[in-house]
């Protein structure tokens, strides 16, 4: 399992949120997608996209669909192997 975190920031949070939403519209059609959550930090303009994937290949299949989306081009993803989870 893979966790991917994108962090976005900029003066125009509405534009960035629009680009994020456009970027993740197709995520449910990607095999290996597990979960996505868009979060806004309190008292800042920072936005985080937290997503879970079956493996890196599934994530890369989705990332290829994002194309020229400016928000994703400017945010370098951090990738983590999931060692343990509790629900």
PDB file of N, CA and C in Angstrom:
ATOM      1  N   UNK A   1       0.852  -1.169   0.000  1.00  0.00           N
ATOM      2  CA  UNK A   1       0.000   0.000   0.000  1.00  0.00           C
ATOM      3  C   UNK A   1       0.899   1.232   0.000  1.00  0.00           C
ATOM      4  N   UNK A   2       0.462   2.277  -0.670  1.00  0.00           N
ATOM      5  CA  UNK A   2       1.220   3.513  -0.817  1.00  0.00           C
ATOM      6  C   UNK A   2       0.362   4.699  -0.386  1.00  0.00           C
ATOM      7  N   UNK A   3       0.945   5.597   0.401  1.00  0.00           N
ATOM      8  CA  UNK A   3       0.305   6.866   0.744  1.00  0.00           C
ATOM      9  C   UNK A   3       1.050   7.970   0.020  1.00  0.00           C
ATOM     10  N   UNK A   4       0.303   8.875  -0.616  1.00  0.00           N
ATOM     11  CA  UNK A   4       0.912   9.993  -1.340  1.00  0.00           C
ATOM     12  C   UNK A   4       0.329  11.282  -0.786  1.00  0.00           C
ATOM     13  N   UNK A   5       1.218  12.236  -0.485  1.00  0.00           N
ATOM     14  CA  UNK A   5       0.793  13.538   0.034  1.00  0.00           C
ATOM     15  C   UNK A   5       1.291  14.631  -0.902  1.00  0.00           C
ATOM     16  N   UNK A   6       0.364  15.435  -1.394  1.00  0.00           N
ATOM     17  CA  UNK A   6       0.688  16.637  -2.162  1.00  0.00           C
ATOM     18  C   UNK A   6       0.357  17.831  -1.275  1.00  0.00           C
ATOM     19  N   UNK A   7       1.238  18.807  -1.211  1.00  0.00           N
ATOM     20  CA  UNK A   7       0.967  20.039  -0.470  1.00  0.00           C
ATOM     21  C   UNK A   7       0.952  21.193  -1.464  1.00  0.00           C
ATOM     22  N   UNK A   8      -0.115  21.980  -1.423  1.00  0.00           N
ATOM     23  CA  UNK A   8      -0.296  23.102  -2.334  1.00  0.00           C
ATOM     24  C   UNK A   8      -0.389  24.379  -1.512  1.00  0.00           C
ATOM     25  N   UNK A   9       0.176  25.461  -2.019  1.00  0.00           N
ATOM     26  CA  UNK A   9      -0.033  26.757  -1.383  1.00  0.00           C
ATOM     27  C   UNK A   9       0.093  27.845  -2.429  1.00  0.00           C
ATOM     28  N   UNK A  10      -0.538  28.940  -2.156  1.00  0.00           N
ATOM     29  CA  UNK A  10      -0.516  30.066  -3.072  1.00  0.00           C
ATOM     30  C   UNK A  10      -1.550  31.087  -2.647  1.00  0.00           C
ATOM     31  N   UNK A  11      -1.476  32.266  -3.214  1.00  0.00           N
ATOM     32  CA  UNK A  11      -2.378  33.331  -2.798  1.00  0.00           C
ATOM     33  C   UNK A  11      -3.834  33.111  -3.208  1.00  0.00           C
ATOM     34  N   UNK A  12      -4.087  32.298  -4.230  1.00  0.00           N
ATOM     35  CA  UNK A  12      -5.447  32.101  -4.722  1.00  0.00           C
ATOM     36  C   UNK A  12      -5.923  30.679  -4.413  1.00  0.00           C
ATOM     37  N   UNK A  13      -6.374  30.471  -3.190  1.00  0.00           N
ATOM     38  CA  UNK A  13      -6.791  29.133  -2.750  1.00  0.00           C
ATOM     39  C   UNK A  13      -7.954  28.599  -3.575  1.00  0.00           C
ATOM     40  N   UNK A  14      -8.878  29.461  -4.015  1.00  0.00           N
ATOM     41  CA  UNK A  14     -10.019  28.997  -4.812  1.00  0.00           C
ATOM     42  C   UNK A  14      -9.566  28.412  -6.147  1.00  0.00           C
ATOM     43  N   UNK A  15      -8.595  29.061  -6.790  1.00  0.00           N
ATOM     44  CA  UNK A  15      -8.069  28.554  -8.063  1.00  0.00           C
ATOM     45  C   UNK A  15      -7.381  27.206  -7.842  1.00  0.00           C
ATOM     46  N   UNK A  16      -6.559  27.132  -6.782  1.00  0.00           N
ATOM     47  CA  UNK A  16      -5.846  25.889  -6.492  1.00  0.00           C
ATOM     48  C   UNK A  16      -6.831  24.757  -6.195  1.00  0.00           C
ATOM     49  N   UNK A  17      -7.864  25.037  -5.390  1.00  0.00           N
ATOM     50  CA  UNK A  17      -8.880  24.012  -5.100  1.00  0.00           C
ATOM     51  C   UNK A  17      -9.571  23.545  -6.374  1.00  0.00           C
ATOM     52  N   UNK A  18      -9.855  24.476  -7.270  1.00  0.00           N
ATOM     53  CA  UNK A  18     -10.468  24.108  -8.552  1.00  0.00           C
ATOM     54  C   UNK A  18      -9.567  23.190  -9.356  1.00  0.00           C
ATOM     55  N   UNK A  19      -8.283  23.489  -9.384  1.00  0.00           N
ATOM     56  CA  UNK A  19      -7.335  22.653 -10.116  1.00  0.00           C
ATOM     57  C   UNK A  19      -7.198  21.276  -9.466  1.00  0.00           C
ATOM     58  N   UNK A  20      -7.209  21.232  -8.130  1.00  0.00           N
ATOM     59  CA  UNK A  20      -7.128  19.954  -7.433  1.00  0.00           C
ATOM     60  C   UNK A  20      -8.357  19.112  -7.754  1.00  0.00           C
ATOM     61  N   UNK A  21      -9.525  19.723  -7.677  1.00  0.00           N
ATOM     62  CA  UNK A  21     -10.764  18.984  -7.961  1.00  0.00           C
ATOM     63  C   UNK A  21     -10.784  18.475  -9.395  1.00  0.00           C
ATOM     64  N   UNK A  22     -10.316  19.294 -10.328  1.00  0.00           N
ATOM     65  CA  UNK A  22     -10.225  18.855 -11.718  1.00  0.00           C
ATOM     66  C   UNK A  22      -9.267  17.687 -11.839  1.00  0.00           C
ATOM     67  N   UNK A  23      -8.160  17.756 -11.132  1.00  0.00           N
ATOM     68  CA  UNK A  23      -7.155  16.696 -11.203  1.00  0.00           C
ATOM     69  C   UNK A  23      -7.619  15.369 -10.653  1.00  0.00           C
ATOM     70  N   UNK A  24      -8.470  15.394  -9.631  1.00  0.00           N
ATOM     71  CA  UNK A  24      -8.881  14.124  -9.014  1.00  0.00           C
ATOM     72  C   UNK A  24     -10.240  13.619  -9.512  1.00  0.00           C
ATOM     73  N   UNK A  25     -10.820  14.290 -10.487  1.00  0.00           N
ATOM     74  CA  UNK A  25     -12.119  13.838 -11.001  1.00  0.00           C
ATOM     75  C   UNK A  25     -12.083  12.410 -11.528  1.00  0.00           C
ATOM     76  N   UNK A  26     -10.973  12.026 -12.135  1.00  0.00           N
ATOM     77  CA  UNK A  26     -10.905  10.699 -12.738  1.00  0.00           C
ATOM     78  C   UNK A  26     -10.360   9.634 -11.801  1.00  0.00           C
ATOM     79  N   UNK A  27     -10.087   9.981 -10.555  1.00  0.00           N
ATOM     80  CA  UNK A  27      -9.403   9.052  -9.653  1.00  0.00           C
ATOM     81  C   UNK A  27     -10.186   7.770  -9.404  1.00  0.00           C
ATOM     82  N   UNK A  28     -11.495   7.840  -9.357  1.00  0.00           N
ATOM     83  CA  UNK A  28     -12.290   6.648  -9.077  1.00  0.00           C
ATOM     84  C   UNK A  28     -12.234   5.632 -10.207  1.00  0.00           C
ATOM     85  N   UNK A  29     -11.840   6.057 -11.402  1.00  0.00           N
ATOM     86  CA  UNK A  29     -11.748   5.148 -12.538  1.00  0.00           C
ATOM     87  C   UNK A  29     -10.413   4.414 -12.598  1.00  0.00           C
ATOM     88  N   UNK A  30      -9.506   4.732 -11.698  1.00  0.00           N
ATOM     89  CA  UNK A  30      -8.173   4.135 -11.717  1.00  0.00           C
ATOM     90  C   UNK A  30      -8.145   2.910 -10.798  1.00  0.00           C
ATOM     91  N   UNK A  31      -7.808   1.768 -11.367  1.00  0.00           N
ATOM     92  CA  UNK A  31      -7.708   0.546 -10.565  1.00  0.00           C
ATOM     93  C   UNK A  31      -6.550   0.690  -9.588  1.00  0.00           C
ATOM     94  N   UNK A  32      -6.772   0.334  -8.341  1.00  0.00           N
ATOM     95  CA  UNK A  32      -5.753   0.434  -7.306  1.00  0.00           C
ATOM     96  C   UNK A  32      -5.900   1.671  -6.446  1.00  0.00           C
ATOM     97  N   UNK A  33      -6.830   2.572  -6.798  1.00  0.00           N
ATOM     98  CA  UNK A  33      -7.117   3.741  -5.968  1.00  0.00           C
ATOM     99  C   UNK A  33      -7.900   3.286  -4.749  1.00  0.00           C
ATOM    100  N   UNK A  34      -7.516   3.817  -3.570  1.00  0.00           N
ATOM    101  CA  UNK A  34      -8.183   3.427  -2.331  1.00  0.00           C
ATOM    102  C   UNK A  34      -8.928   4.573  -1.657  1.00  0.00           C
ATOM    103  N   UNK A  35      -8.323   5.770  -1.604  1.00  0.00           N
ATOM    104  CA  UNK A  35      -8.884   6.845  -0.784  1.00  0.00           C
ATOM    105  C   UNK A  35      -8.218   8.167  -1.161  1.00  0.00           C
ATOM    106  N   UNK A  36      -8.977   9.258  -1.104  1.00  0.00           N
ATOM    107  CA  UNK A  36      -8.399  10.588  -1.280  1.00  0.00           C
ATOM    108  C   UNK A  36      -9.120  11.563  -0.367  1.00  0.00           C
ATOM    109  N   UNK A  37      -8.362  12.508   0.179  1.00  0.00           N
ATOM    110  CA  UNK A  37      -8.921  13.520   1.063  1.00  0.00           C
ATOM    111  C   UNK A  37      -8.225  14.846   0.778  1.00  0.00           C
ATOM    112  N   UNK A  38      -9.022  15.892   0.502  1.00  0.00           N
ATOM    113  CA  UNK A  38      -8.487  17.240   0.299  1.00  0.00           C
ATOM    114  C   UNK A  38      -8.699  18.001   1.603  1.00  0.00           C
ATOM    115  N   UNK A  39      -7.627  18.600   2.124  1.00  0.00           N
ATOM    116  CA  UNK A  39      -7.663  19.250   3.436  1.00  0.00           C
ATOM    117  C   UNK A  39      -7.072  20.646   3.353  1.00  0.00           C
ATOM    118  N   UNK A  40      -7.680  21.587   4.077  1.00  0.00           N
ATOM    119  CA  UNK A  40      -7.152  22.947   4.161  1.00  0.00           C
ATOM    120  C   UNK A  40      -6.680  23.190   5.583  1.00  0.00           C
ATOM    121  N   UNK A  41      -5.453  23.658   5.705  1.00  0.00           N
ATOM    122  CA  UNK A  41      -4.908  23.929   7.036  1.00  0.00           C
ATOM    123  C   UNK A  41      -5.548  25.178   7.616  1.00  0.00           C
ATOM    124  N   UNK A  42      -5.850  25.142   8.891  1.00  0.00           N
ATOM    125  CA  UNK A  42      -6.418  26.309   9.556  1.00  0.00           C
ATOM    126  C   UNK A  42      -5.385  27.415   9.634  1.00  0.00           C
ATOM    127  N   UNK A  43      -5.832  28.639   9.476  1.00  0.00           N
ATOM    128  CA  UNK A  43      -5.014  29.845   9.612  1.00  0.00           C
ATOM    129  C   UNK A  43      -3.918  29.998   8.556  1.00  0.00           C
ATOM    130  N   UNK A  44      -3.950  29.204   7.494  1.00  0.00           N
ATOM    131  CA  UNK A  44      -3.017  29.387   6.379  1.00  0.00           C
ATOM    132  C   UNK A  44      -3.790  29.137   5.083  1.00  0.00           C
ATOM    133  N   UNK A  45      -3.104  29.279   3.982  1.00  0.00           N
ATOM    134  CA  UNK A  45      -3.700  28.973   2.685  1.00  0.00           C
ATOM    135  C   UNK A  45      -3.234  27.621   2.169  1.00  0.00           C
ATOM    136  N   UNK A  46      -2.560  26.845   3.017  1.00  0.00           N
ATOM    137  CA  UNK A  46      -2.044  25.547   2.600  1.00  0.00           C
ATOM    138  C   UNK A  46      -3.169  24.526   2.427  1.00  0.00           C
ATOM    139  N   UNK A  47      -3.066  23.762   1.353  1.00  0.00           N
ATOM    140  CA  UNK A  47      -4.028  22.704   1.048  1.00  0.00           C
ATOM    141  C   UNK A  47      -3.235  21.420   0.857  1.00  0.00           C
ATOM    142  N   UNK A  48      -3.747  20.314   1.386  1.00  0.00           N
ATOM    143  CA  UNK A  48      -3.072  19.036   1.264  1.00  0.00           C
ATOM    144  C   UNK A  48      -4.020  18.030   0.625  1.00  0.00           C
ATOM    145  N   UNK A  49      -3.499  17.270  -0.315  1.00  0.00           N
ATOM    146  CA  UNK A  49      -4.219  16.132  -0.877  1.00  0.00           C
ATOM    147  C   UNK A  49      -3.528  14.879  -0.353  1.00  0.00           C
ATOM    148  N   UNK A  50      -4.271  14.081   0.384  1.00  0.00           N
ATOM    149  CA  UNK A  50      -3.783  12.841   0.977  1.00  0.00           C
ATOM    150  C   UNK A  50      -4.468  11.717   0.218  1.00  0.00           C
ATOM    151  N   UNK A  51      -3.703  10.801  -0.365  1.00  0.00           N
ATOM    152  CA  UNK A  51      -4.332   9.706  -1.102  1.00  0.00           C
ATOM    153  C   UNK A  51      -3.648   8.381  -0.799  1.00  0.00           C
ATOM    154  N   UNK A  52      -4.400   7.309  -0.977  1.00  0.00           N
ATOM    155  CA  UNK A  52      -3.894   5.954  -0.753  1.00  0.00           C
ATOM    156  C   UNK A  52      -4.100   5.153  -2.029  1.00  0.00           C
ATOM    157  N   UNK A  53      -3.110   4.309  -2.304  1.00  0.00           N
ATOM    158  CA  UNK A  53      -3.080   3.521  -3.532  1.00  0.00           C
ATOM    159  C   UNK A  53      -2.631   2.108  -3.222  1.00  0.00           C
ATOM    160  N   UNK A  54      -3.063   1.178  -4.042  1.00  0.00           N
ATOM    161  CA  UNK A  54      -2.647  -0.219  -3.888  1.00  0.00           C
ATOM    162  C   UNK A  54      -1.125  -0.338  -4.037  1.00  0.00           C
ATOM    163  N   UNK A  55      -0.560   0.403  -5.000  1.00  0.00           N
ATOM    164  CA  UNK A  55       0.884   0.371  -5.239  1.00  0.00           C
ATOM    165  C   UNK A  55       1.299   1.598  -6.055  1.00  0.00           C
ATOM    166  N   UNK A  56       2.572   1.751  -6.269  1.00  0.00           N
ATOM    167  CA  UNK A  56       3.086   2.926  -6.991  1.00  0.00           C
ATOM    168  C   UNK A  56       2.601   2.943  -8.440  1.00  0.00           C
ATOM    169  N   UNK A  57       2.462   1.794  -9.040  1.00  0.00           N
ATOM    170  CA  UNK A  57       1.988   1.716 -10.420  1.00  0.00           C
ATOM    171  C   UNK A  57       0.577   2.302 -10.557  1.00  0.00           C
ATOM    172  N   UNK A  58      -0.297   1.989  -9.611  1.00  0.00           N
ATOM    173  CA  UNK A  58      -1.658   2.539  -9.638  1.00  0.00           C
ATOM    174  C   UNK A  58      -1.612   4.059  -9.529  1.00  0.00           C
ATOM    175  N   UNK A  59      -0.783   4.579  -8.619  1.00  0.00           N
ATOM    176  CA  UNK A  59      -0.644   6.034  -8.481  1.00  0.00           C
ATOM    177  C   UNK A  59      -0.134   6.648  -9.785  1.00  0.00           C
ATOM    178  N   UNK A  60       0.880   6.062 -10.381  1.00  0.00           N
ATOM    179  CA  UNK A  60       1.452   6.612 -11.613  1.00  0.00           C
ATOM    180  C   UNK A  60       0.457   6.572 -12.768  1.00  0.00           C
ATOM    181  N   UNK A  61      -0.401   5.545 -12.817  1.00  0.00           N
ATOM    182  CA  UNK A  61      -1.451   5.499 -13.843  1.00  0.00           C
ATOM    183  C   UNK A  61      -2.377   6.700 -13.703  1.00  0.00           C
ATOM    184  N   UNK A  62      -2.709   7.050 -12.465  1.00  0.00           N
ATOM    185  CA  UNK A  62      -3.553   8.223 -12.249  1.00  0.00           C
ATOM    186  C   UNK A  62      -2.789   9.507 -12.556  1.00  0.00           C
ATOM    187  N   UNK A  63      -1.553   9.622 -12.081  1.00  0.00           N
ATOM    188  CA  UNK A  63      -0.758  10.832 -12.294  1.00  0.00           C
ATOM    189  C   UNK A  63      -0.625  11.138 -13.780  1.00  0.00           C
ATOM    190  N   UNK A  64      -0.561  10.108 -14.604  1.00  0.00           N
ATOM    191  CA  UNK A  64      -0.481  10.315 -16.056  1.00  0.00           C
ATOM    192  C   UNK A  64      -1.748  10.959 -16.604  1.00  0.00           C
ATOM    193  N   UNK A  65      -2.897  10.779 -15.928  1.00  0.00           N
ATOM    194  CA  UNK A  65      -4.150  11.373 -16.415  1.00  0.00           C
ATOM    195  C   UNK A  65      -4.266  12.848 -16.040  1.00  0.00           C
ATOM    196  N   UNK A  66      -3.458  13.318 -15.083  1.00  0.00           N
ATOM    197  CA  UNK A  66      -3.552  14.700 -14.617  1.00  0.00           C
ATOM    198  C   UNK A  66      -3.076  15.673 -15.684  1.00  0.00           C
ATOM    199  N   UNK A  67      -2.121  15.254 -16.499  1.00  0.00           N
ATOM    200  CA  UNK A  67      -1.656  16.069 -17.617  1.00  0.00           C
ATOM    201  C   UNK A  67      -0.987  17.364 -17.202  1.00  0.00           C
ATOM    202  N   UNK A  68      -1.452  18.465 -17.741  1.00  0.00           N
ATOM    203  CA  UNK A  68      -0.817  19.770 -17.543  1.00  0.00           C
ATOM    204  C   UNK A  68      -1.422  20.566 -16.388  1.00  0.00           C
ATOM    205  N   UNK A  69      -2.119  19.920 -15.481  1.00  0.00           N
ATOM    206  CA  UNK A  69      -2.743  20.606 -14.352  1.00  0.00           C
ATOM    207  C   UNK A  69      -1.672  21.347 -13.547  1.00  0.00           C
ATOM    208  N   UNK A  70      -1.801  22.676 -13.456  1.00  0.00           N
ATOM    209  CA  UNK A  70      -0.763  23.514 -12.832  1.00  0.00           C
ATOM    210  C   UNK A  70      -0.534  23.185 -11.362  1.00  0.00           C
ATOM    211  N   UNK A  71      -1.588  22.949 -10.613  1.00  0.00           N
ATOM    212  CA  UNK A  71      -1.422  22.672  -9.182  1.00  0.00           C
ATOM    213  C   UNK A  71      -0.546  21.438  -8.983  1.00  0.00           C
ATOM    214  N   UNK A  72      -0.807  20.372  -9.733  1.00  0.00           N
ATOM    215  CA  UNK A  72      -0.041  19.144  -9.558  1.00  0.00           C
ATOM    216  C   UNK A  72       1.372  19.264 -10.115  1.00  0.00           C
ATOM    217  N   UNK A  73       1.558  20.066 -11.148  1.00  0.00           N
ATOM    218  CA  UNK A  73       2.907  20.279 -11.694  1.00  0.00           C
ATOM    219  C   UNK A  73       3.794  20.997 -10.680  1.00  0.00           C
ATOM    220  N   UNK A  74       3.199  21.851  -9.827  1.00  0.00           N
ATOM    221  CA  UNK A  74       3.967  22.654  -8.879  1.00  0.00           C
ATOM    222  C   UNK A  74       4.157  21.969  -7.526  1.00  0.00           C
ATOM    223  N   UNK A  75       3.451  20.883  -7.276  1.00  0.00           N
ATOM    224  CA  UNK A  75       3.528  20.207  -5.972  1.00  0.00           C
ATOM    225  C   UNK A  75       4.220  18.862  -6.134  1.00  0.00           C
ATOM    226  N   UNK A  76       5.382  18.731  -5.550  1.00  0.00           N
ATOM    227  CA  UNK A  76       6.111  17.467  -5.600  1.00  0.00           C
ATOM    228  C   UNK A  76       5.509  16.504  -4.584  1.00  0.00           C
ATOM    229  N   UNK A  77       5.061  15.338  -5.033  1.00  0.00           N
ATOM    230  CA  UNK A  77       4.430  14.412  -4.087  1.00  0.00           C
ATOM    231  C   UNK A  77       5.447  13.759  -3.154  1.00  0.00           C
ATOM    232  N   UNK A  78       5.011  13.534  -1.938  1.00  0.00           N
ATOM    233  CA  UNK A  78       5.782  12.747  -0.980  1.00  0.00           C
ATOM    234  C   UNK A  78       5.131  11.368  -0.941  1.00  0.00           C
ATOM    235  N   UNK A  79       5.938  10.319  -1.046  1.00  0.00           N
ATOM    236  CA  UNK A  79       5.395   8.957  -1.095  1.00  0.00           C
ATOM    237  C   UNK A  79       5.888   8.156   0.100  1.00  0.00           C
ATOM    238  N   UNK A  80       4.963   7.428   0.705  1.00  0.00           N
ATOM    239  CA  UNK A  80       5.257   6.638   1.888  1.00  0.00           C
ATOM    240  C   UNK A  80       4.699   5.234   1.719  1.00  0.00           C
ATOM    241  N   UNK A  81       5.480   4.230   2.045  1.00  0.00           N
ATOM    242  CA  UNK A  81       4.992   2.866   2.096  1.00  0.00           C
ATOM    243  C   UNK A  81       4.227   2.700   3.403  1.00  0.00           C
ATOM    244  N   UNK A  82       3.026   2.170   3.328  1.00  0.00           N
ATOM    245  CA  UNK A  82       2.211   1.961   4.520  1.00  0.00           C
ATOM    246  C   UNK A  82       2.739   0.729   5.250  1.00  0.00           C
ATOM    247  N   UNK A  83       3.126   0.904   6.485  1.00  0.00           N
ATOM    248  CA  UNK A  83       3.621  -0.206   7.301  1.00  0.00           C
ATOM    249  C   UNK A  83       2.537  -0.830   8.153  1.00  0.00           C
ATOM    250  N   UNK A  84       1.605   0.013   8.624  1.00  0.00           N
ATOM    251  CA  UNK A  84       0.536  -0.485   9.487  1.00  0.00           C
ATOM    252  C   UNK A  84      -0.585   0.535   9.495  1.00  0.00           C
ATOM    253  N   UNK A  85      -1.825   0.059   9.570  1.00  0.00           N
ATOM    254  CA  UNK A  85      -2.985   0.960   9.649  1.00  0.00           C
ATOM    255  C   UNK A  85      -3.978   0.407  10.661  1.00  0.00           C
ATOM    256  N   UNK A  86      -4.728   1.317  11.261  1.00  0.00           N
ATOM    257  CA  UNK A  86      -5.833   0.954  12.152  1.00  0.00           C
ATOM    258  C   UNK A  86      -7.023   1.813  11.778  1.00  0.00           C
ATOM    259  N   UNK A  87      -8.195   1.243  11.865  1.00  0.00           N
ATOM    260  CA  UNK A  87      -9.429   1.986  11.574  1.00  0.00           C
ATOM    261  C   UNK A  87     -10.377   1.842  12.726  1.00  0.00           C
TER     262      UNK A  87
END
